[in-house]
Amino acid sequence: MRLPESAHTSRPWRIHDIAPDFRIEDVWALPTPGGPDDFPRLVRQVASGKNSSEFSVIYRALFAIRWKLGALLGWDKDDTGVGARVPSLHDRLPADLRDVPPGPVFEGAPFRSVYRTDSEWVSEIANRTMHGVMHIGWVPDETGGYRGQMAVLVKPNGVFGKLYMAGILPFRYLLVYPALMRGVARRWQAQTDDPVVE
C-alpha cells in the first residue's frame, strides 16, 4: 500500500540527516507482517536475488528492457555510478554508522549497502539518470505487530534525469510497484511457512 510522505518523514530515521538533498519519490508499506526481531529477515530477503521467478513476467520483462536500454545508451556504465559520477552516501555517514558493517551485498542487483541499524537499512544506486536511495525500515503496525516500510529517495541528474523520472512514473505505479508488492508478499509468506528458506 502506498503511504503519504509523512509516514517516512515523521519517523526518526538517520537518513534524514544524511541525505537531506534527496527528494522522496515513493513510500510504501511492505506486506511483511512480523515481530520486533524480524527486520534482519526482511533485509536478507530484499538483498537476495533468489526466487526472482516469484515476481511476475511483466515485472521481470520491464526490468530486462530497462537494463538493455541502459546498456545500449550507456546509462549504466561504471563511470556513471556510485564512486564515479557521484560520491557514495557512505562518505556522509557519522562515525557511529561509518564504523559498522553497512549491510548485505546484493545478489543480482546494482545496489550498494550504505548502512544498517536495528530498524533501518539504506542502499544506493547511481547511473546517468539519477542517484537513488532505497530506505527499508521496520515499523510498528496498527495490529500491535511490525512490518516493513520502503521509501525511495532520488536526486535526478539534471534535466534528463528529471524527464526520465517523470517518464517512468506511470510504469512504476501501474506495473512495477503492484507486481513488486505481490512478489514481496509471496516470498515473505513462503519464508513464514518454511523458516529454513532464507
N, C-alpha and C. Protein backbone atom coordinates (compact mmCIF):
# COMPACT_ATOMS: atom_id res chain seq x y z
N MET A 1 0.84 -1.17 0.00
CA MET A 1 0.00 0.00 0.00
C MET A 1 0.89 1.25 0.00
N ARG A 2 0.56 2.17 -0.88
CA ARG A 2 1.31 3.42 -0.94
C ARG A 2 0.95 4.29 0.26
N LEU A 3 1.94 4.95 0.82
CA LEU A 3 1.77 5.76 2.02
C LEU A 3 2.10 7.22 1.71
N PRO A 4 1.59 8.15 2.53
CA PRO A 4 1.99 9.55 2.36
C PRO A 4 3.46 9.73 2.77
N GLU A 5 4.06 10.79 2.27
CA GLU A 5 5.46 11.08 2.60
C GLU A 5 5.67 11.17 4.11
N SER A 6 4.65 11.64 4.83
CA SER A 6 4.78 11.81 6.28
C SER A 6 5.04 10.49 7.01
N ALA A 7 4.65 9.36 6.40
CA ALA A 7 4.94 8.06 7.01
C ALA A 7 6.44 7.82 7.10
N HIS A 8 7.18 8.47 6.22
CA HIS A 8 8.64 8.39 6.25
C HIS A 8 9.23 9.56 7.05
N THR A 9 8.79 10.77 6.75
CA THR A 9 9.40 11.95 7.36
C THR A 9 9.11 12.07 8.85
N SER A 10 8.02 11.47 9.33
CA SER A 10 7.66 11.59 10.75
C SER A 10 8.47 10.67 11.64
N ARG A 11 9.21 9.75 11.06
CA ARG A 11 9.99 8.80 11.86
C ARG A 11 11.42 9.31 12.05
N PRO A 12 12.04 8.94 13.15
CA PRO A 12 13.39 9.47 13.45
C PRO A 12 14.50 8.70 12.73
N TRP A 13 14.33 8.54 11.42
CA TRP A 13 15.34 7.81 10.65
C TRP A 13 16.63 8.63 10.55
N ARG A 14 17.75 7.95 10.53
CA ARG A 14 19.05 8.62 10.38
C ARG A 14 19.22 9.20 8.98
N ILE A 15 18.52 8.62 8.00
CA ILE A 15 18.67 9.06 6.61
C ILE A 15 18.30 10.54 6.43
N HIS A 16 17.43 11.07 7.29
CA HIS A 16 17.01 12.47 7.14
C HIS A 16 18.20 13.41 7.20
N ASP A 17 19.15 13.13 8.10
CA ASP A 17 20.33 13.98 8.23
C ASP A 17 21.41 13.67 7.20
N ILE A 18 21.38 12.45 6.68
CA ILE A 18 22.43 12.00 5.77
C ILE A 18 22.14 12.40 4.32
N ALA A 19 20.88 12.40 3.93
CA ALA A 19 20.52 12.70 2.54
C ALA A 19 19.41 13.76 2.45
N PRO A 20 19.60 14.93 3.05
CA PRO A 20 18.55 15.95 3.02
C PRO A 20 18.32 16.54 1.63
N ASP A 21 19.28 16.36 0.73
CA ASP A 21 19.18 16.91 -0.62
C ASP A 21 18.51 15.94 -1.60
N PHE A 22 18.06 14.79 -1.13
CA PHE A 22 17.33 13.84 -1.97
C PHE A 22 15.83 14.07 -1.75
N ARG A 23 15.04 13.92 -2.81
CA ARG A 23 13.60 14.09 -2.67
C ARG A 23 12.95 12.71 -2.50
N ILE A 24 11.86 12.70 -1.78
CA ILE A 24 11.11 11.45 -1.58
C ILE A 24 10.27 11.20 -2.82
N GLU A 25 10.51 10.06 -3.43
CA GLU A 25 9.78 9.68 -4.64
C GLU A 25 8.55 8.84 -4.29
N ASP A 26 8.73 7.88 -3.39
CA ASP A 26 7.65 6.95 -3.02
C ASP A 26 7.86 6.47 -1.60
N VAL A 27 6.74 6.13 -0.94
CA VAL A 27 6.77 5.46 0.36
C VAL A 27 5.71 4.36 0.31
N TRP A 28 6.11 3.16 0.70
CA TRP A 28 5.21 2.00 0.62
C TRP A 28 5.25 1.19 1.92
N ALA A 29 4.09 0.72 2.34
CA ALA A 29 4.00 -0.28 3.41
C ALA A 29 4.25 -1.64 2.75
N LEU A 30 5.20 -2.38 3.25
CA LEU A 30 5.50 -3.69 2.68
C LEU A 30 4.62 -4.76 3.32
N PRO A 31 4.15 -5.73 2.52
CA PRO A 31 3.30 -6.80 3.05
C PRO A 31 4.14 -7.86 3.76
N THR A 32 4.75 -7.45 4.87
CA THR A 32 5.69 -8.31 5.59
C THR A 32 5.39 -8.28 7.10
N PRO A 33 4.22 -8.76 7.50
CA PRO A 33 3.89 -8.72 8.93
C PRO A 33 4.84 -9.60 9.74
N GLY A 34 5.24 -9.09 10.90
CA GLY A 34 6.15 -9.87 11.71
C GLY A 34 6.26 -9.33 13.12
N GLY A 35 7.27 -9.80 13.81
CA GLY A 35 7.51 -9.38 15.17
C GLY A 35 8.68 -8.42 15.25
N PRO A 36 9.02 -7.99 16.44
CA PRO A 36 10.07 -6.98 16.60
C PRO A 36 11.45 -7.43 16.13
N ASP A 37 11.68 -8.75 16.05
CA ASP A 37 13.01 -9.25 15.69
C ASP A 37 13.12 -9.73 14.25
N ASP A 38 12.13 -9.43 13.40
CA ASP A 38 12.13 -9.94 12.03
C ASP A 38 12.81 -9.04 11.01
N PHE A 39 13.34 -7.90 11.43
CA PHE A 39 13.96 -7.00 10.47
C PHE A 39 15.14 -7.64 9.72
N PRO A 40 16.04 -8.37 10.38
CA PRO A 40 17.14 -9.00 9.62
C PRO A 40 16.64 -9.91 8.51
N ARG A 41 15.54 -10.58 8.76
CA ARG A 41 14.96 -11.46 7.73
C ARG A 41 14.52 -10.65 6.51
N LEU A 42 13.90 -9.49 6.75
CA LEU A 42 13.48 -8.63 5.64
C LEU A 42 14.69 -8.14 4.86
N VAL A 43 15.74 -7.73 5.55
CA VAL A 43 16.95 -7.26 4.88
C VAL A 43 17.53 -8.36 4.00
N ARG A 44 17.60 -9.58 4.53
CA ARG A 44 18.11 -10.70 3.72
C ARG A 44 17.25 -10.94 2.49
N GLN A 45 15.95 -10.85 2.66
CA GLN A 45 15.05 -11.10 1.53
C GLN A 45 15.23 -10.05 0.44
N VAL A 46 15.32 -8.78 0.83
CA VAL A 46 15.46 -7.72 -0.17
C VAL A 46 16.79 -7.84 -0.91
N ALA A 47 17.86 -8.15 -0.18
CA ALA A 47 19.19 -8.21 -0.80
C ALA A 47 19.39 -9.46 -1.65
N SER A 48 18.63 -10.50 -1.36
CA SER A 48 18.81 -11.77 -2.06
C SER A 48 18.25 -11.72 -3.47
N GLY A 49 18.97 -12.26 -4.40
CA GLY A 49 18.47 -12.37 -5.78
C GLY A 49 17.74 -13.67 -6.02
N LYS A 50 17.59 -14.47 -4.96
CA LYS A 50 16.95 -15.77 -5.12
C LYS A 50 15.45 -15.62 -5.31
N ASN A 51 14.87 -16.60 -5.96
CA ASN A 51 13.42 -16.69 -6.15
C ASN A 51 12.85 -15.50 -6.93
N SER A 52 13.63 -14.94 -7.86
CA SER A 52 13.09 -13.85 -8.66
C SER A 52 11.94 -14.32 -9.53
N SER A 53 11.83 -15.64 -9.74
CA SER A 53 10.72 -16.17 -10.53
C SER A 53 9.37 -15.93 -9.84
N GLU A 54 9.38 -15.59 -8.56
CA GLU A 54 8.13 -15.31 -7.87
C GLU A 54 7.54 -13.97 -8.28
N PHE A 55 8.33 -13.15 -8.98
CA PHE A 55 7.82 -11.88 -9.49
C PHE A 55 7.24 -12.12 -10.88
N SER A 56 6.24 -11.33 -11.23
CA SER A 56 5.50 -11.55 -12.47
C SER A 56 6.40 -11.42 -13.70
N VAL A 57 5.93 -12.01 -14.79
CA VAL A 57 6.64 -11.94 -16.06
C VAL A 57 6.75 -10.48 -16.51
N ILE A 58 5.68 -9.72 -16.31
CA ILE A 58 5.69 -8.30 -16.71
C ILE A 58 6.76 -7.54 -15.93
N TYR A 59 6.81 -7.77 -14.63
CA TYR A 59 7.80 -7.11 -13.78
C TYR A 59 9.21 -7.43 -14.25
N ARG A 60 9.48 -8.71 -14.47
CA ARG A 60 10.82 -9.12 -14.91
C ARG A 60 11.13 -8.58 -16.30
N ALA A 61 10.12 -8.55 -17.18
CA ALA A 61 10.33 -8.05 -18.54
C ALA A 61 10.64 -6.56 -18.54
N LEU A 62 9.94 -5.78 -17.71
CA LEU A 62 10.20 -4.34 -17.63
C LEU A 62 11.64 -4.06 -17.20
N PHE A 63 12.10 -4.81 -16.21
CA PHE A 63 13.47 -4.58 -15.75
C PHE A 63 14.48 -5.06 -16.77
N ALA A 64 14.18 -6.14 -17.48
CA ALA A 64 15.09 -6.61 -18.53
C ALA A 64 15.20 -5.55 -19.63
N ILE A 65 14.07 -4.95 -19.99
CA ILE A 65 14.08 -3.89 -21.01
C ILE A 65 14.88 -2.69 -20.51
N ARG A 66 14.66 -2.31 -19.25
CA ARG A 66 15.38 -1.16 -18.70
C ARG A 66 16.89 -1.38 -18.72
N TRP A 67 17.34 -2.59 -18.30
CA TRP A 67 18.78 -2.85 -18.27
C TRP A 67 19.35 -2.91 -19.68
N LYS A 68 18.56 -3.44 -20.63
CA LYS A 68 19.01 -3.50 -22.03
C LYS A 68 19.16 -2.09 -22.59
N LEU A 69 18.16 -1.23 -22.35
CA LEU A 69 18.25 0.17 -22.80
C LEU A 69 19.44 0.87 -22.16
N GLY A 70 19.62 0.62 -20.87
CA GLY A 70 20.75 1.23 -20.16
C GLY A 70 22.08 0.83 -20.78
N ALA A 71 22.20 -0.44 -21.17
CA ALA A 71 23.43 -0.91 -21.79
C ALA A 71 23.63 -0.27 -23.17
N LEU A 72 22.56 -0.19 -23.95
CA LEU A 72 22.66 0.38 -25.30
C LEU A 72 22.97 1.88 -25.28
N LEU A 73 22.39 2.60 -24.32
CA LEU A 73 22.51 4.05 -24.28
C LEU A 73 23.60 4.54 -23.31
N GLY A 74 24.26 3.61 -22.66
CA GLY A 74 25.36 3.97 -21.77
C GLY A 74 24.93 4.55 -20.43
N TRP A 75 23.68 4.32 -20.03
CA TRP A 75 23.19 4.88 -18.76
C TRP A 75 23.85 4.27 -17.54
N ASP A 76 24.29 3.02 -17.67
CA ASP A 76 24.74 2.26 -16.51
C ASP A 76 26.23 1.94 -16.53
N LYS A 77 27.00 2.67 -17.31
CA LYS A 77 28.44 2.42 -17.35
C LYS A 77 29.06 2.68 -15.99
N ASP A 78 30.22 2.07 -15.77
CA ASP A 78 30.91 2.21 -14.49
C ASP A 78 31.16 3.68 -14.12
N ASP A 79 31.43 4.51 -15.12
CA ASP A 79 31.75 5.91 -14.81
C ASP A 79 30.52 6.76 -14.50
N THR A 80 29.33 6.13 -14.48
CA THR A 80 28.11 6.86 -14.14
C THR A 80 27.59 6.50 -12.75
N GLY A 81 28.26 5.57 -12.08
CA GLY A 81 27.74 5.02 -10.84
C GLY A 81 28.28 5.67 -9.58
N VAL A 82 27.97 5.00 -8.47
CA VAL A 82 28.43 5.43 -7.15
C VAL A 82 29.94 5.31 -7.09
N GLY A 83 30.58 6.36 -6.59
CA GLY A 83 32.03 6.39 -6.50
C GLY A 83 32.70 6.91 -7.76
N ALA A 84 31.92 7.14 -8.82
CA ALA A 84 32.46 7.69 -10.07
C ALA A 84 31.75 9.01 -10.37
N ARG A 85 30.52 8.93 -10.87
CA ARG A 85 29.78 10.17 -11.15
C ARG A 85 29.35 10.88 -9.88
N VAL A 86 28.99 10.08 -8.86
CA VAL A 86 28.57 10.66 -7.58
C VAL A 86 29.32 9.97 -6.45
N PRO A 87 29.64 10.71 -5.38
CA PRO A 87 30.25 10.06 -4.22
C PRO A 87 29.20 9.23 -3.48
N SER A 88 29.65 8.20 -2.81
CA SER A 88 28.74 7.36 -2.04
C SER A 88 28.22 8.11 -0.82
N LEU A 89 26.98 7.82 -0.45
CA LEU A 89 26.44 8.36 0.79
C LEU A 89 27.25 7.89 2.00
N HIS A 90 28.00 6.82 1.84
CA HIS A 90 28.84 6.34 2.93
C HIS A 90 29.80 7.42 3.38
N ASP A 91 30.21 8.29 2.45
CA ASP A 91 31.14 9.38 2.78
C ASP A 91 30.50 10.41 3.71
N ARG A 92 29.18 10.43 3.78
CA ARG A 92 28.47 11.39 4.63
C ARG A 92 28.15 10.86 6.02
N LEU A 93 28.41 9.59 6.26
CA LEU A 93 27.97 8.97 7.50
C LEU A 93 28.72 9.51 8.71
N PRO A 94 28.01 9.67 9.83
CA PRO A 94 28.70 9.98 11.09
C PRO A 94 29.50 8.76 11.54
N ALA A 95 30.44 8.97 12.44
CA ALA A 95 31.38 7.91 12.84
C ALA A 95 30.68 6.66 13.34
N ASP A 96 29.57 6.81 14.08
CA ASP A 96 28.93 5.62 14.64
C ASP A 96 28.33 4.71 13.57
N LEU A 97 27.99 5.26 12.40
CA LEU A 97 27.49 4.44 11.31
C LEU A 97 28.59 4.01 10.35
N ARG A 98 29.61 4.81 10.24
CA ARG A 98 30.70 4.51 9.30
C ARG A 98 31.52 3.31 9.74
N ASP A 99 31.59 3.08 11.04
CA ASP A 99 32.47 2.04 11.57
C ASP A 99 31.78 0.70 11.81
N VAL A 100 30.55 0.54 11.32
CA VAL A 100 29.85 -0.74 11.46
C VAL A 100 29.60 -1.33 10.07
N PRO A 101 29.40 -2.65 9.97
CA PRO A 101 29.13 -3.24 8.66
C PRO A 101 27.90 -2.57 8.02
N PRO A 102 27.98 -2.23 6.72
CA PRO A 102 26.91 -1.47 6.08
C PRO A 102 25.65 -2.27 5.78
N GLY A 103 25.75 -3.57 5.76
CA GLY A 103 24.62 -4.40 5.39
C GLY A 103 25.05 -5.39 4.33
N PRO A 104 24.13 -6.19 3.84
CA PRO A 104 24.49 -7.27 2.92
C PRO A 104 24.88 -6.77 1.53
N VAL A 105 25.58 -7.63 0.82
CA VAL A 105 25.88 -7.41 -0.59
C VAL A 105 24.67 -7.90 -1.38
N PHE A 106 24.23 -7.13 -2.35
CA PHE A 106 23.09 -7.53 -3.17
C PHE A 106 23.48 -8.63 -4.13
N GLU A 107 22.55 -9.55 -4.33
CA GLU A 107 22.75 -10.62 -5.31
C GLU A 107 21.93 -10.27 -6.55
N GLY A 108 22.60 -9.96 -7.64
CA GLY A 108 21.90 -9.74 -8.89
C GLY A 108 21.21 -8.39 -9.02
N ALA A 109 21.59 -7.41 -8.23
CA ALA A 109 21.03 -6.06 -8.34
C ALA A 109 22.15 -5.05 -8.17
N PRO A 110 22.08 -3.91 -8.87
CA PRO A 110 23.19 -2.96 -8.83
C PRO A 110 23.15 -1.99 -7.65
N PHE A 111 22.55 -2.40 -6.54
CA PHE A 111 22.53 -1.56 -5.35
C PHE A 111 23.75 -1.84 -4.48
N ARG A 112 24.09 -0.86 -3.64
CA ARG A 112 25.21 -0.99 -2.72
C ARG A 112 24.73 -0.58 -1.33
N SER A 113 24.92 -1.45 -0.34
CA SER A 113 24.53 -1.11 1.03
C SER A 113 25.35 0.07 1.54
N VAL A 114 24.68 0.97 2.28
CA VAL A 114 25.33 2.15 2.86
C VAL A 114 25.45 2.00 4.37
N TYR A 115 24.34 1.70 5.05
CA TYR A 115 24.39 1.45 6.49
C TYR A 115 23.15 0.68 6.92
N ARG A 116 23.28 0.07 8.10
CA ARG A 116 22.17 -0.68 8.67
C ARG A 116 22.18 -0.50 10.18
N THR A 117 21.00 -0.25 10.74
CA THR A 117 20.82 -0.21 12.19
C THR A 117 19.84 -1.32 12.56
N ASP A 118 19.32 -1.30 13.79
CA ASP A 118 18.37 -2.32 14.22
C ASP A 118 17.02 -2.22 13.51
N SER A 119 16.71 -1.06 12.93
CA SER A 119 15.40 -0.90 12.30
C SER A 119 15.44 -0.13 10.99
N GLU A 120 16.62 0.09 10.45
CA GLU A 120 16.77 0.93 9.26
C GLU A 120 17.93 0.41 8.42
N TRP A 121 17.67 0.29 7.11
CA TRP A 121 18.72 -0.16 6.20
C TRP A 121 18.66 0.70 4.95
N VAL A 122 19.80 1.19 4.52
CA VAL A 122 19.87 2.08 3.36
C VAL A 122 20.83 1.50 2.34
N SER A 123 20.38 1.52 1.08
CA SER A 123 21.26 1.15 -0.03
C SER A 123 21.12 2.21 -1.11
N GLU A 124 22.08 2.24 -2.01
CA GLU A 124 22.08 3.29 -3.04
C GLU A 124 22.41 2.71 -4.40
N ILE A 125 22.05 3.48 -5.41
CA ILE A 125 22.33 3.14 -6.80
C ILE A 125 22.52 4.46 -7.54
N ALA A 126 23.37 4.47 -8.53
CA ALA A 126 23.52 5.67 -9.35
C ALA A 126 23.79 5.24 -10.78
N ASN A 127 23.31 6.05 -11.70
CA ASN A 127 23.58 5.87 -13.12
C ASN A 127 23.50 7.24 -13.79
N ARG A 128 23.41 7.26 -15.09
CA ARG A 128 23.41 8.55 -15.78
C ARG A 128 22.13 9.34 -15.53
N THR A 129 21.06 8.68 -15.07
CA THR A 129 19.78 9.37 -14.88
C THR A 129 19.59 9.94 -13.49
N MET A 130 20.14 9.29 -12.47
CA MET A 130 19.87 9.72 -11.10
C MET A 130 20.81 9.04 -10.11
N HIS A 131 20.76 9.53 -8.87
CA HIS A 131 21.35 8.87 -7.70
C HIS A 131 20.17 8.53 -6.81
N GLY A 132 19.95 7.25 -6.56
CA GLY A 132 18.78 6.82 -5.82
C GLY A 132 19.12 6.12 -4.52
N VAL A 133 18.19 6.20 -3.58
CA VAL A 133 18.33 5.57 -2.28
C VAL A 133 17.10 4.71 -2.03
N MET A 134 17.33 3.47 -1.61
CA MET A 134 16.24 2.62 -1.12
C MET A 134 16.39 2.53 0.39
N HIS A 135 15.38 3.01 1.09
CA HIS A 135 15.37 3.00 2.55
C HIS A 135 14.36 1.97 3.01
N ILE A 136 14.83 0.98 3.74
CA ILE A 136 13.95 -0.05 4.29
C ILE A 136 13.92 0.12 5.80
N GLY A 137 12.73 0.26 6.36
CA GLY A 137 12.57 0.40 7.80
C GLY A 137 11.67 -0.68 8.36
N TRP A 138 11.73 -0.85 9.66
CA TRP A 138 10.89 -1.82 10.37
C TRP A 138 10.07 -1.02 11.38
N VAL A 139 8.76 -1.01 11.18
CA VAL A 139 7.91 -0.10 11.94
C VAL A 139 6.76 -0.85 12.62
N PRO A 140 6.29 -0.35 13.77
CA PRO A 140 5.10 -0.93 14.40
C PRO A 140 3.89 -0.71 13.49
N ASP A 141 2.99 -1.68 13.48
CA ASP A 141 1.77 -1.51 12.68
C ASP A 141 0.56 -1.37 13.58
N GLU A 142 -0.60 -1.21 12.97
CA GLU A 142 -1.83 -0.95 13.72
C GLU A 142 -2.36 -2.17 14.46
N THR A 143 -1.79 -3.36 14.22
CA THR A 143 -2.27 -4.57 14.89
C THR A 143 -1.43 -4.93 16.11
N GLY A 144 -0.42 -4.12 16.42
CA GLY A 144 0.46 -4.45 17.53
C GLY A 144 1.70 -5.21 17.10
N GLY A 145 1.80 -5.53 15.81
CA GLY A 145 2.98 -6.20 15.28
C GLY A 145 3.89 -5.20 14.59
N TYR A 146 4.67 -5.71 13.64
CA TYR A 146 5.59 -4.88 12.87
C TYR A 146 5.47 -5.22 11.40
N ARG A 147 5.99 -4.34 10.57
CA ARG A 147 6.03 -4.59 9.13
C ARG A 147 7.14 -3.74 8.54
N GLY A 148 7.51 -4.09 7.31
CA GLY A 148 8.50 -3.31 6.59
C GLY A 148 7.88 -2.08 5.96
N GLN A 149 8.72 -1.08 5.76
CA GLN A 149 8.31 0.13 5.05
C GLN A 149 9.45 0.53 4.14
N MET A 150 9.12 0.82 2.89
CA MET A 150 10.14 1.18 1.91
C MET A 150 9.92 2.61 1.44
N ALA A 151 10.98 3.39 1.46
CA ALA A 151 10.95 4.73 0.86
C ALA A 151 12.02 4.78 -0.22
N VAL A 152 11.67 5.41 -1.32
CA VAL A 152 12.60 5.61 -2.43
C VAL A 152 12.89 7.11 -2.49
N LEU A 153 14.17 7.45 -2.37
CA LEU A 153 14.61 8.84 -2.43
C LEU A 153 15.50 9.01 -3.66
N VAL A 154 15.37 10.15 -4.32
CA VAL A 154 16.06 10.32 -5.60
C VAL A 154 16.66 11.71 -5.71
N LYS A 155 17.82 11.76 -6.35
CA LYS A 155 18.40 13.02 -6.80
C LYS A 155 18.61 12.87 -8.31
N PRO A 156 17.68 13.42 -9.13
CA PRO A 156 17.82 13.28 -10.58
C PRO A 156 19.08 13.97 -11.09
N ASN A 157 19.63 13.44 -12.18
CA ASN A 157 20.83 14.01 -12.78
C ASN A 157 20.41 15.00 -13.87
N GLY A 158 20.24 16.26 -13.49
CA GLY A 158 19.92 17.31 -14.45
C GLY A 158 18.55 17.17 -15.07
N VAL A 159 18.34 17.89 -16.18
CA VAL A 159 17.05 17.90 -16.88
C VAL A 159 16.72 16.51 -17.41
N PHE A 160 17.73 15.82 -17.95
CA PHE A 160 17.48 14.48 -18.48
C PHE A 160 16.98 13.55 -17.38
N GLY A 161 17.60 13.63 -16.21
CA GLY A 161 17.17 12.78 -15.10
C GLY A 161 15.75 13.09 -14.67
N LYS A 162 15.38 14.35 -14.64
CA LYS A 162 14.01 14.73 -14.26
C LYS A 162 13.01 14.21 -15.29
N LEU A 163 13.36 14.34 -16.57
CA LEU A 163 12.47 13.82 -17.62
C LEU A 163 12.34 12.31 -17.55
N TYR A 164 13.45 11.63 -17.28
CA TYR A 164 13.43 10.17 -17.15
C TYR A 164 12.52 9.74 -16.00
N MET A 165 12.68 10.38 -14.83
CA MET A 165 11.86 10.02 -13.68
C MET A 165 10.38 10.28 -13.96
N ALA A 166 10.07 11.39 -14.63
CA ALA A 166 8.67 11.68 -14.98
C ALA A 166 8.15 10.67 -15.99
N GLY A 167 9.00 10.25 -16.92
CA GLY A 167 8.58 9.30 -17.95
C GLY A 167 8.27 7.91 -17.43
N ILE A 168 8.98 7.49 -16.40
CA ILE A 168 8.75 6.13 -15.88
C ILE A 168 7.68 6.10 -14.79
N LEU A 169 7.19 7.27 -14.38
CA LEU A 169 6.21 7.33 -13.29
C LEU A 169 4.99 6.43 -13.51
N PRO A 170 4.32 6.50 -14.68
CA PRO A 170 3.14 5.63 -14.84
C PRO A 170 3.48 4.15 -14.80
N PHE A 171 4.65 3.79 -15.33
CA PHE A 171 5.05 2.38 -15.29
C PHE A 171 5.28 1.92 -13.86
N ARG A 172 5.88 2.78 -13.05
CA ARG A 172 6.12 2.42 -11.65
C ARG A 172 4.81 2.15 -10.92
N TYR A 173 3.85 3.05 -11.06
CA TYR A 173 2.61 2.92 -10.29
C TYR A 173 1.66 1.87 -10.84
N LEU A 174 1.64 1.71 -12.16
CA LEU A 174 0.70 0.76 -12.75
C LEU A 174 1.24 -0.66 -12.83
N LEU A 175 2.54 -0.81 -13.01
CA LEU A 175 3.09 -2.14 -13.25
C LEU A 175 4.15 -2.57 -12.24
N VAL A 176 5.12 -1.71 -11.97
CA VAL A 176 6.26 -2.14 -11.17
C VAL A 176 5.89 -2.36 -9.71
N TYR A 177 5.34 -1.33 -9.05
CA TYR A 177 5.08 -1.47 -7.62
C TYR A 177 4.02 -2.52 -7.29
N PRO A 178 2.88 -2.59 -8.03
CA PRO A 178 1.93 -3.67 -7.70
C PRO A 178 2.56 -5.06 -7.81
N ALA A 179 3.35 -5.27 -8.87
CA ALA A 179 4.00 -6.57 -9.04
C ALA A 179 5.04 -6.81 -7.96
N LEU A 180 5.78 -5.76 -7.61
CA LEU A 180 6.78 -5.88 -6.55
C LEU A 180 6.13 -6.27 -5.23
N MET A 181 5.03 -5.62 -4.88
CA MET A 181 4.36 -5.91 -3.60
C MET A 181 3.83 -7.34 -3.57
N ARG A 182 3.28 -7.81 -4.68
CA ARG A 182 2.80 -9.20 -4.72
C ARG A 182 3.96 -10.18 -4.56
N GLY A 183 5.08 -9.90 -5.22
CA GLY A 183 6.24 -10.78 -5.10
C GLY A 183 6.82 -10.78 -3.70
N VAL A 184 6.91 -9.60 -3.09
CA VAL A 184 7.41 -9.50 -1.71
C VAL A 184 6.51 -10.29 -0.77
N ALA A 185 5.19 -10.15 -0.94
CA ALA A 185 4.25 -10.87 -0.08
C ALA A 185 4.39 -12.38 -0.24
N ARG A 186 4.54 -12.86 -1.48
CA ARG A 186 4.69 -14.31 -1.71
C ARG A 186 5.96 -14.84 -1.06
N ARG A 187 7.07 -14.10 -1.24
CA ARG A 187 8.33 -14.56 -0.66
C ARG A 187 8.29 -14.53 0.86
N TRP A 188 7.68 -13.49 1.42
CA TRP A 188 7.59 -13.38 2.88
C TRP A 188 6.75 -14.51 3.45
N GLN A 189 5.62 -14.78 2.79
CA GLN A 189 4.75 -15.85 3.27
C GLN A 189 5.43 -17.21 3.14
N ALA A 190 6.16 -17.42 2.04
CA ALA A 190 6.86 -18.69 1.87
C ALA A 190 7.89 -18.89 2.97
N GLN A 191 8.58 -17.82 3.36
CA GLN A 191 9.57 -17.94 4.43
C GLN A 191 8.90 -18.10 5.79
N THR A 192 7.69 -17.56 5.95
CA THR A 192 6.96 -17.74 7.19
C THR A 192 6.51 -19.19 7.33
N ASP A 193 6.04 -19.75 6.20
CA ASP A 193 5.59 -21.14 6.21
C ASP A 193 6.74 -22.12 6.36
N ASP A 194 7.91 -21.75 5.84
CA ASP A 194 9.08 -22.64 5.87
C ASP A 194 10.30 -21.80 6.27
N PRO A 195 10.52 -21.54 7.57
CA PRO A 195 11.58 -20.64 8.03
C PRO A 195 12.98 -21.01 7.58
N VAL A 196 13.20 -22.25 7.13
CA VAL A 196 14.54 -22.60 6.66
C VAL A 196 14.86 -21.97 5.33
N VAL A 197 13.86 -21.50 4.60
CA VAL A 197 14.11 -20.86 3.31
C VAL A 197 14.51 -19.43 3.55
N GLU A 198 15.77 -19.10 3.39
CA GLU A 198 16.28 -17.72 3.64
C GLU A 198 16.94 -17.19 2.41
